[in-house]
Amino acid sequence: MKTPQTTPEKRKKIKSSVLYWAVLNFGIIMLAAGVFLFKGPNNFATGGVSGIAIILSKYVTPLVPFLTQSVIMIIINALLIVIGFIFLGKGCTFKTVYCSLMYTFEMWLMQLLFEHLNINLPLTDETFLEFLYAMLLTGIGSAILFNCNASSGGTDIIALIIKKFTRLNIGKALFATDLIIASSTFIIFDVKTGLFSILGLFFKAFLVDSVIESIGKSKYVTIITSSPEKITPFILEGIHRSYTSYTAKGGYSGEEKTVLLTVCNRGEALKLKIKIRNADPAAFVILTDTNEILGKGFRSTL
């Protein structure tokens, strides 16, 4: 009995799936490292479950040493996931549950590792340096998760519930919950920590938007050529994209040419540009940056 051969399309799908989960887990690790190494030790409560855990650990951990910041996060995230399923149903997706549990589990592992190695936190006495790394790691980590159509759960679930029962949109609801958490650090810790927390809230918002835009950037390629037969096979087989073609007439020369339209990522665009240069040096090529593409081969949901 012969084993079924894996088709190129199936191999590409498997490769894409493996890459997706690898990137997703990398984002979770960055988020967990930013919170454990920099946000938590410096009390930068810029919102989210990590912010709530930072605030609660100040009062709870001295009384119950077992309830560290990592353990508190696990408890809160577990409760929010249950609440999310009750109030949101399918809105609390598998990916959100997975990211939430992995995020808190990795925080717990880091805590065990640092205790075993006797490494004290914070790592330095440079507060601003620690703040920058806290925002960079958590901001980029969150952006990677959002780009994968996932999130770390936490206050995202609270925001979804607020949105469901009020007129606030999810962005305003999420900002409102995070602002309350960040503002409370003025009272619970001190003015310096409060100012860093509020600054971090805004800094992270801008950073996440910038990173998401950069990650999602692709190329929209317009090719005007007299030799489409030399280019189209490479689009289909070389970079595994499709294209749209139509005939157009030049306004100055009156000559009829073929216009090819395709979209691809930046690496594929570079390969295509080199191929066009070799196949038809006279071709007119326009490459346009696009921040988001919806459809097969790119994002499948709105």
Protein backbone atom coordinates (compact mmCIF):
# COMPACT_ATOMS: atom_id res chain seq x y z
CA MET A 1 0.00 0.00 0.00
CA LYS A 2 1.47 3.33 -1.10
CA THR A 3 1.76 6.24 1.28
CA PRO A 4 -0.11 9.32 -0.09
CA GLN A 5 2.28 11.94 -1.44
CA THR A 6 2.27 15.35 0.20
CA THR A 7 1.31 17.94 -2.42
CA PRO A 8 3.27 21.24 -2.70
CA GLU A 9 0.16 23.11 -1.58
CA LYS A 10 -0.18 20.91 1.52
CA ARG A 11 3.53 21.28 2.34
CA LYS A 12 3.21 25.05 2.03
CA LYS A 13 0.17 24.98 4.33
CA ILE A 14 2.05 22.89 6.94
CA LYS A 15 5.09 25.20 6.72
CA SER A 16 2.85 28.25 7.09
CA SER A 17 1.12 26.72 10.13
CA VAL A 18 4.44 25.84 11.82
CA LEU A 19 5.76 29.36 11.15
CA TYR A 20 2.55 30.90 12.52
CA TRP A 21 2.74 29.04 15.85
CA ALA A 22 6.48 29.70 16.14
CA VAL A 23 5.92 33.46 15.69
CA LEU A 24 2.95 33.38 18.08
CA ASN A 25 5.00 31.69 20.81
CA PHE A 26 7.91 34.09 20.24
CA GLY A 27 5.50 36.97 20.89
CA ILE A 28 4.31 35.30 24.11
CA ILE A 29 7.91 34.85 25.31
CA MET A 30 8.73 38.51 24.63
CA LEU A 31 5.60 39.62 26.49
CA ALA A 32 6.34 37.37 29.48
CA ALA A 33 10.01 38.44 29.61
CA GLY A 34 9.09 42.13 29.49
CA VAL A 35 6.65 41.79 32.38
CA PHE A 36 8.77 39.48 34.55
CA LEU A 37 12.18 41.10 34.05
CA PHE A 38 11.27 44.78 33.86
CA LYS A 39 7.62 45.73 34.47
CA GLY A 40 7.02 43.71 37.64
CA PRO A 41 10.25 44.49 39.55
CA ASN A 42 9.82 48.23 38.89
CA ASN A 43 6.03 48.31 39.53
CA PHE A 44 5.29 49.65 36.02
CA ALA A 45 1.57 48.89 36.07
CA THR A 46 0.57 50.11 32.59
CA GLY A 47 -2.65 48.12 32.60
CA GLY A 48 -3.67 44.56 31.85
CA VAL A 49 -3.60 41.56 34.17
CA SER A 50 0.11 42.13 34.76
CA GLY A 51 -0.72 45.59 36.13
CA ILE A 52 -3.38 44.19 38.45
CA ALA A 53 -0.97 41.46 39.62
CA ILE A 54 1.79 44.03 40.28
CA ILE A 55 -0.58 46.07 42.46
CA LEU A 56 -2.07 43.08 44.33
CA SER A 57 1.32 41.46 44.96
CA LYS A 58 2.37 44.50 47.01
CA TYR A 59 -0.26 43.60 49.63
CA VAL A 60 -0.88 39.87 49.12
CA THR A 61 2.64 38.42 48.73
CA PRO A 62 3.96 39.66 52.11
CA LEU A 63 1.01 37.93 53.81
CA VAL A 64 0.97 34.79 51.62
CA PRO A 65 4.47 34.26 50.11
CA PHE A 66 3.15 31.54 47.78
CA LEU A 67 0.92 34.10 46.02
CA THR A 68 3.65 35.76 43.97
CA GLN A 69 2.98 38.03 41.02
CA SER A 70 3.14 35.07 38.59
CA VAL A 71 0.70 32.97 40.64
CA ILE A 72 -1.70 35.91 40.99
CA MET A 73 -1.62 36.34 37.19
CA ILE A 74 -2.46 32.67 36.69
CA ILE A 75 -5.44 32.94 39.06
CA ILE A 76 -6.76 36.18 37.50
CA ASN A 77 -6.36 34.91 33.93
CA ALA A 78 -8.12 31.64 34.79
CA LEU A 79 -11.04 33.56 36.33
CA LEU A 80 -11.25 35.92 33.35
CA ILE A 81 -11.25 33.02 30.89
CA VAL A 82 -14.19 31.45 32.77
CA ILE A 83 -16.01 34.81 32.86
CA GLY A 84 -15.25 35.25 29.15
CA PHE A 85 -16.84 31.92 28.27
CA ILE A 86 -19.92 32.79 30.38
CA PHE A 87 -20.51 36.27 28.94
CA LEU A 88 -18.87 36.05 25.50
CA GLY A 89 -19.14 32.41 24.47
CA LYS A 90 -17.21 32.04 21.22
CA GLY A 91 -15.70 35.49 21.72
CA CYS A 92 -13.26 33.81 24.12
CA THR A 93 -11.37 31.87 21.43
CA PHE A 94 -8.92 28.98 21.66
CA LYS A 95 -6.00 31.25 20.71
CA THR A 96 -6.82 33.71 23.50
CA VAL A 97 -7.00 30.86 26.04
CA TYR A 98 -3.76 29.36 24.72
CA CYS A 99 -1.86 32.68 24.80
CA SER A 100 -3.19 33.56 28.23
CA LEU A 101 -2.20 30.22 29.78
CA MET A 102 1.22 30.09 28.06
CA TYR A 103 1.94 33.70 29.07
CA THR A 104 1.31 33.05 32.76
CA PHE A 105 2.99 29.61 32.65
CA GLU A 106 6.18 31.14 31.19
CA MET A 107 6.14 33.84 33.87
CA TRP A 108 5.97 31.10 36.51
CA LEU A 109 8.87 29.18 34.88
CA MET A 110 10.99 32.34 34.81
CA GLN A 111 10.30 32.88 38.48
CA LEU A 112 11.44 29.32 39.33
CA LEU A 113 14.56 29.71 37.18
CA PHE A 114 15.61 33.04 38.71
CA GLU A 115 15.01 31.72 42.24
CA HIS A 116 17.14 28.66 41.44
CA LEU A 117 19.96 30.83 40.06
CA ASN A 118 19.63 33.37 42.90
CA ILE A 119 19.28 36.29 40.47
CA ASN A 120 17.73 39.38 42.02
CA LEU A 121 15.39 41.76 40.25
CA PRO A 122 15.40 44.48 39.05
CA LEU A 123 18.46 43.73 36.98
CA THR A 124 19.84 47.30 37.17
CA ASP A 125 19.30 50.46 39.19
CA GLU A 126 18.62 52.49 36.02
CA THR A 127 14.86 53.01 36.18
CA PHE A 128 14.50 54.68 32.79
CA LEU A 129 16.54 51.96 31.06
CA GLU A 130 14.35 49.30 32.67
CA PHE A 131 11.25 51.24 31.58
CA LEU A 132 12.42 51.31 27.94
CA TYR A 133 13.05 47.57 27.87
CA ALA A 134 9.74 46.90 29.60
CA MET A 135 7.85 48.86 26.94
CA LEU A 136 9.86 47.49 24.00
CA LEU A 137 9.47 43.83 24.95
CA THR A 138 5.80 44.01 25.96
CA GLY A 139 4.90 46.35 23.08
CA ILE A 140 6.53 44.21 20.39
CA GLY A 141 5.22 41.02 22.02
CA SER A 142 1.65 42.36 22.07
CA ALA A 143 1.97 43.57 18.46
CA ILE A 144 3.08 40.11 17.32
CA LEU A 145 0.08 38.52 19.05
CA PHE A 146 -2.36 41.04 17.56
CA ASN A 147 -0.79 40.50 14.12
CA CYS A 148 -1.48 36.77 14.58
CA ASN A 149 -5.14 37.62 15.34
CA ALA A 150 -4.61 36.61 18.98
CA SER A 151 -4.19 38.31 22.34
CA SER A 152 -2.98 37.48 25.83
CA GLY A 153 -6.53 37.63 27.19
CA GLY A 154 -6.68 39.47 30.50
CA THR A 155 -8.25 42.92 30.30
CA ASP A 156 -9.03 42.30 26.62
CA ILE A 157 -11.81 40.03 27.94
CA ILE A 158 -13.01 42.75 30.34
CA ALA A 159 -13.04 45.24 27.45
CA LEU A 160 -15.10 42.84 25.31
CA ILE A 161 -17.65 42.43 28.13
CA ILE A 162 -17.87 46.24 28.63
CA LYS A 163 -18.36 46.66 24.88
CA LYS A 164 -21.14 44.07 24.89
CA PHE A 165 -23.18 45.78 27.61
CA THR A 166 -22.36 49.47 26.98
CA ARG A 167 -21.94 51.83 24.04
CA LEU A 168 -18.16 52.02 24.40
CA ASN A 169 -16.12 50.52 21.55
CA ILE A 170 -13.42 48.00 22.44
CA GLY A 171 -10.56 50.48 22.05
CA LYS A 172 -12.06 52.96 24.50
CA ALA A 173 -13.14 50.19 26.89
CA LEU A 174 -9.63 48.70 26.94
CA PHE A 175 -8.01 52.11 27.40
CA ALA A 176 -10.43 52.94 30.23
CA THR A 177 -9.64 49.75 32.18
CA ASP A 178 -5.87 50.16 31.65
CA LEU A 179 -5.98 53.85 32.61
CA ILE A 180 -7.66 53.01 35.93
CA ILE A 181 -4.99 50.40 36.69
CA ALA A 182 -2.11 52.72 35.71
CA SER A 183 -3.53 55.70 37.63
CA SER A 184 -3.86 53.67 40.84
CA THR A 185 -0.05 53.37 41.03
CA PHE A 186 0.13 57.04 42.12
CA ILE A 187 -1.67 56.07 45.34
CA ILE A 188 -0.35 52.53 45.86
CA PHE A 189 3.33 53.17 45.08
CA ASP A 190 4.58 56.73 44.51
CA VAL A 191 4.43 59.64 42.04
CA LYS A 192 7.51 58.49 40.11
CA THR A 193 6.06 55.01 39.54
CA GLY A 194 2.70 56.53 38.62
CA LEU A 195 4.24 58.84 36.03
CA PHE A 196 6.20 55.96 34.49
CA SER A 197 3.03 53.81 34.40
CA ILE A 198 0.94 56.49 32.66
CA LEU A 199 3.77 57.23 30.21
CA GLY A 200 4.14 53.51 29.54
CA LEU A 201 0.42 53.18 28.78
CA PHE A 202 0.64 55.77 25.97
CA PHE A 203 4.11 54.63 24.82
CA LYS A 204 2.95 51.04 24.46
CA ALA A 205 -0.16 52.07 22.49
CA PHE A 206 1.93 53.95 19.90
CA LEU A 207 4.57 51.22 19.78
CA VAL A 208 2.03 48.45 19.23
CA ASP A 209 0.40 50.36 16.36
CA SER A 210 3.79 51.07 14.73
CA VAL A 211 5.00 47.47 15.00
CA ILE A 212 1.70 46.03 13.70
CA GLU A 213 1.87 48.37 10.72
CA SER A 214 5.47 47.37 10.01
CA ILE A 215 4.82 43.63 10.34
CA GLY A 216 1.72 43.77 8.14
CA LYS A 217 3.39 45.80 5.39
CA SER A 218 3.35 44.12 1.97
CA LYS A 219 3.90 45.20 -1.63
CA TYR A 220 1.33 45.92 -4.33
CA VAL A 221 3.14 45.48 -7.65
CA THR A 222 2.04 46.94 -10.99
CA ILE A 223 4.00 45.70 -14.02
CA ILE A 224 3.55 47.20 -17.50
CA THR A 225 5.29 44.92 -19.99
CA SER A 226 5.44 43.80 -23.62
CA SER A 227 6.53 40.29 -22.57
CA PRO A 228 4.10 38.99 -19.94
CA GLU A 229 4.90 35.39 -20.87
CA LYS A 230 8.41 35.87 -19.46
CA ILE A 231 7.13 37.14 -16.07
CA THR A 232 3.84 35.41 -15.25
CA PRO A 233 5.34 31.88 -14.81
CA PHE A 234 7.68 33.27 -12.15
CA ILE A 235 4.77 34.92 -10.30
CA LEU A 236 2.90 31.62 -10.23
CA GLU A 237 5.77 29.20 -9.63
CA GLY A 238 8.65 31.32 -8.31
CA ILE A 239 6.89 33.27 -5.55
CA HIS A 240 3.65 31.23 -5.55
CA ARG A 241 1.33 34.19 -6.01
CA SER A 242 -1.47 34.87 -8.44
CA TYR A 243 -1.99 37.96 -10.58
CA THR A 244 -4.55 39.96 -12.54
CA SER A 245 -3.81 41.03 -16.11
CA TYR A 246 -5.39 43.31 -18.67
CA THR A 247 -4.40 45.07 -21.88
CA ALA A 248 -3.80 48.82 -21.85
CA LYS A 249 -2.72 51.42 -24.38
CA GLY A 250 0.00 53.98 -23.72
CA GLY A 251 -1.23 57.56 -23.79
CA TYR A 252 1.90 58.91 -25.48
CA SER A 253 3.06 56.04 -27.70
CA GLY A 254 -0.32 54.47 -28.40
CA GLU A 255 1.35 51.08 -28.02
CA GLU A 256 -0.62 48.25 -26.47
CA LYS A 257 0.97 46.52 -23.48
CA THR A 258 -0.05 44.07 -20.75
CA VAL A 259 -0.56 45.29 -17.19
CA LEU A 260 0.03 42.72 -14.44
CA LEU A 261 -1.17 43.31 -10.88
CA THR A 262 -0.03 41.21 -7.92
CA VAL A 263 0.52 41.47 -4.18
CA CYS A 264 3.29 39.81 -2.19
CA ASN A 265 5.51 40.26 0.85
CA ARG A 266 8.68 42.35 0.76
CA GLY A 267 11.05 39.40 0.21
CA GLU A 268 8.96 38.10 -2.68
CA ALA A 269 8.79 41.60 -4.18
CA LEU A 270 12.59 41.78 -4.26
CA LYS A 271 12.81 38.42 -6.09
CA LEU A 272 10.13 39.55 -8.55
CA LYS A 273 11.92 42.84 -9.22
CA ILE A 274 15.18 41.01 -10.04
CA LYS A 275 13.31 38.59 -12.33
CA ILE A 276 11.61 41.43 -14.22
CA ARG A 277 14.92 43.26 -14.64
CA ASN A 278 16.42 40.15 -16.27
CA ALA A 279 13.36 39.07 -18.28
CA ASP A 280 12.20 42.46 -19.58
CA PRO A 281 14.52 45.40 -18.84
CA ALA A 282 12.08 47.75 -20.61
CA ALA A 283 9.18 46.87 -18.28
CA PHE A 284 7.68 49.69 -16.19
CA VAL A 285 7.28 48.56 -12.56
CA ILE A 286 5.48 50.32 -9.69
CA LEU A 287 5.86 48.99 -6.13
CA THR A 288 3.48 50.39 -3.51
CA ASP A 289 3.56 49.75 0.24
CA THR A 290 0.34 48.34 1.68
CA ASN A 291 -0.37 48.09 5.41
CA GLU A 292 -3.04 45.40 5.21
CA ILE A 293 -4.25 42.91 2.62
CA LEU A 294 -7.33 40.76 3.14
CA GLY A 295 -7.84 37.57 1.14
CA LYS A 296 -6.44 34.13 0.41
CA GLY A 297 -2.73 33.92 1.15
CA PHE A 298 -2.88 36.94 3.47
CA ARG A 299 -5.41 37.75 6.19
CA SER A 300 -8.54 35.66 5.91
CA THR A 301 -10.73 37.72 8.25
CA LEU A 302 -11.76 41.34 8.57
